Amino acid sequence: MVLADQPRGHATVVSVDNPAGACTTRLPIICRLGTIRAGDTVTITVRLAVDTTSSTLTNRAVAGTATSERTLTNNISQATIKVIAPAPTTGLG
């Protein structure tokens, strides 16, 4: 099983946590998930630094395999995320 993740917008990958395998740390993010049995789930956590003037970022991930599948609708996940500006830094002294 392989997952491809390409956030829509200007972003840089900070980190990717994939307990099921390895992922690239550049866009598009490609993760190798190995074998996933029917009914199992895998959660991959992606942290991005966002360089956009938009207040939202849409992220879409698509999973696929070379083997036959009966249900393809659960291979796509999309979320629109609210972008929050970092807190201003203050001088220490």
C-alpha atoms as a PDB file:
ATOM      1  CA  MET A   1       0.000   0.000   0.000  1.00  0.00           C
ATOM      2  CA  VAL A   2       1.281   3.453  -0.915  1.00  0.00           C
ATOM      3  CA  LEU A   3      -0.074   6.857   0.107  1.00  0.00           C
ATOM      4  CA  ALA A   4       0.499  10.142  -1.740  1.00  0.00           C
ATOM      5  CA  ASP A   5      -0.149  13.464   0.025  1.00  0.00           C
ATOM      6  CA  GLN A   6       0.035  16.839  -1.723  1.00  0.00           C
ATOM      7  CA  PRO A   7      -1.275  19.813   0.263  1.00  0.00           C
ATOM      8  CA  ARG A   8      -2.795  22.499  -1.949  1.00  0.00           C
ATOM      9  CA  GLY A   9      -1.001  25.720  -1.182  1.00  0.00           C
ATOM     10  CA  HIS A  10       2.476  26.841  -0.297  1.00  0.00           C
ATOM     11  CA  ALA A  11       3.873  24.581   2.394  1.00  0.00           C
ATOM     12  CA  THR A  12       7.112  22.977   3.515  1.00  0.00           C
ATOM     13  CA  VAL A  13       7.237  19.620   5.270  1.00  0.00           C
ATOM     14  CA  VAL A  14       8.412  19.886   8.890  1.00  0.00           C
ATOM     15  CA  SER A  15       7.932  16.234   9.840  1.00  0.00           C
ATOM     16  CA  VAL A  16       6.050  13.060   8.916  1.00  0.00           C
ATOM     17  CA  ASP A  17       5.202  10.329  11.439  1.00  0.00           C
ATOM     18  CA  ASN A  18       4.181   7.010   9.890  1.00  0.00           C
ATOM     19  CA  PRO A  19       4.064   4.076  12.335  1.00  0.00           C
ATOM     20  CA  ALA A  20       3.414   1.655   9.433  1.00  0.00           C
ATOM     21  CA  GLY A  21       6.492   2.462   7.338  1.00  0.00           C
ATOM     22  CA  ALA A  22       8.626   5.187   5.790  1.00  0.00           C
ATOM     23  CA  CYS A  23       7.684   8.476   4.080  1.00  0.00           C
ATOM     24  CA  THR A  24       9.502  11.101   2.061  1.00  0.00           C
ATOM     25  CA  THR A  25       9.939  14.454   3.796  1.00  0.00           C
ATOM     26  CA  ARG A  26       9.340  16.664   0.760  1.00  0.00           C
ATOM     27  CA  LEU A  27       6.266  17.417  -1.326  1.00  0.00           C
ATOM     28  CA  PRO A  28       4.548  15.416  -2.573  1.00  0.00           C
ATOM     29  CA  ILE A  29       4.783  13.160   0.468  1.00  0.00           C
ATOM     30  CA  ILE A  30       4.943   9.486  -0.538  1.00  0.00           C
ATOM     31  CA  CYS A  31       4.496   6.862   2.195  1.00  0.00           C
ATOM     32  CA  ARG A  32       5.070   3.131   1.935  1.00  0.00           C
ATOM     33  CA  LEU A  33       2.580   1.437   4.247  1.00  0.00           C
ATOM     34  CA  GLY A  34       3.243  -2.238   3.629  1.00  0.00           C
ATOM     35  CA  THR A  35       0.293  -4.641   3.896  1.00  0.00           C
ATOM     36  CA  ILE A  36      -2.900  -3.310   5.451  1.00  0.00           C
ATOM     37  CA  ARG A  37      -5.634  -5.850   6.129  1.00  0.00           C
ATOM     38  CA  ALA A  38      -9.305  -5.133   5.478  1.00  0.00           C
ATOM     39  CA  GLY A  39     -10.736  -3.037   8.290  1.00  0.00           C
ATOM     40  CA  ASP A  40      -7.349  -1.851   9.576  1.00  0.00           C
ATOM     41  CA  THR A  41      -6.454   1.844   9.700  1.00  0.00           C
ATOM     42  CA  VAL A  42      -3.172   3.739   9.624  1.00  0.00           C
ATOM     43  CA  THR A  43      -2.778   7.271  10.950  1.00  0.00           C
ATOM     44  CA  ILE A  44      -0.001   9.375   9.445  1.00  0.00           C
ATOM     45  CA  THR A  45       0.765  12.720  11.086  1.00  0.00           C
ATOM     46  CA  VAL A  46       2.130  15.475   8.837  1.00  0.00           C
ATOM     47  CA  ARG A  47       3.430  18.791  10.196  1.00  0.00           C
ATOM     48  CA  LEU A  48       3.785  21.629   7.690  1.00  0.00           C
ATOM     49  CA  ALA A  49       5.150  25.152   7.732  1.00  0.00           C
ATOM     50  CA  VAL A  50       2.642  27.116   5.684  1.00  0.00           C
ATOM     51  CA  ASP A  51       3.615  30.137   3.594  1.00  0.00           C
ATOM     52  CA  THR A  52       0.293  31.478   2.412  1.00  0.00           C
ATOM     53  CA  THR A  53      -1.875  34.538   2.747  1.00  0.00           C
ATOM     54  CA  SER A  54      -4.949  32.329   2.759  1.00  0.00           C
ATOM     55  CA  SER A  55      -6.686  31.529   6.040  1.00  0.00           C
ATOM     56  CA  THR A  56      -7.130  27.864   5.037  1.00  0.00           C
ATOM     57  CA  LEU A  57      -5.117  25.044   3.500  1.00  0.00           C
ATOM     58  CA  THR A  58      -6.654  22.008   1.813  1.00  0.00           C
ATOM     59  CA  ASN A  59      -4.831  18.721   2.241  1.00  0.00           C
ATOM     60  CA  ARG A  60      -5.727  15.622   0.238  1.00  0.00           C
ATOM     61  CA  ALA A  61      -4.197  12.168   0.596  1.00  0.00           C
ATOM     62  CA  VAL A  62      -4.798   9.220  -1.747  1.00  0.00           C
ATOM     63  CA  ALA A  63      -3.914   5.591  -0.986  1.00  0.00           C
ATOM     64  CA  GLY A  64      -3.507   2.856  -3.573  1.00  0.00           C
ATOM     65  CA  THR A  65      -2.340  -0.682  -4.079  1.00  0.00           C
ATOM     66  CA  ALA A  66      -1.478  -2.995  -6.935  1.00  0.00           C
ATOM     67  CA  THR A  67      -3.867  -5.642  -5.591  1.00  0.00           C
ATOM     68  CA  SER A  68      -7.600  -5.821  -6.255  1.00  0.00           C
ATOM     69  CA  GLU A  69      -9.891  -3.862  -3.939  1.00  0.00           C
ATOM     70  CA  ARG A  70     -13.653  -3.986  -3.550  1.00  0.00           C
ATOM     71  CA  THR A  71     -14.031  -0.566  -1.931  1.00  0.00           C
ATOM     72  CA  LEU A  72     -12.148   2.384  -3.382  1.00  0.00           C
ATOM     73  CA  THR A  73     -14.096   5.169  -1.655  1.00  0.00           C
ATOM     74  CA  ASN A  74     -12.085   4.812   1.562  1.00  0.00           C
ATOM     75  CA  ASN A  75      -8.771   5.448  -0.243  1.00  0.00           C
ATOM     76  CA  ILE A  76      -9.136   9.245  -0.309  1.00  0.00           C
ATOM     77  CA  SER A  77      -9.109  11.645   2.609  1.00  0.00           C
ATOM     78  CA  GLN A  78      -9.374  15.424   2.366  1.00  0.00           C
ATOM     79  CA  ALA A  79      -9.445  18.113   5.025  1.00  0.00           C
ATOM     80  CA  THR A  80      -9.494  21.893   4.964  1.00  0.00           C
ATOM     81  CA  ILE A  81      -7.353  23.214   7.785  1.00  0.00           C
ATOM     82  CA  LYS A  82      -7.488  26.657   9.368  1.00  0.00           C
ATOM     83  CA  VAL A  83      -4.119  28.427   9.080  1.00  0.00           C
ATOM     84  CA  ILE A  84      -3.174  30.349  12.217  1.00  0.00           C
ATOM     85  CA  ALA A  85      -0.387  32.911  12.204  1.00  0.00           C
ATOM     86  CA  PRO A  86       2.333  32.302  14.781  1.00  0.00           C
ATOM     87  CA  ALA A  87       2.260  34.371  17.938  1.00  0.00           C
ATOM     88  CA  PRO A  88       4.479  37.456  17.759  1.00  0.00           C
ATOM     89  CA  THR A  89       7.828  37.093  19.455  1.00  0.00           C
ATOM     90  CA  THR A  90       8.828  39.494  22.172  1.00  0.00           C
ATOM     91  CA  GLY A  91      12.266  40.603  23.245  1.00  0.00           C
ATOM     92  CA  LEU A  92      13.811  38.929  26.245  1.00  0.00           C
ATOM     93  CA  GLY A  93      15.309  41.830  27.682  1.00  0.00           C
END
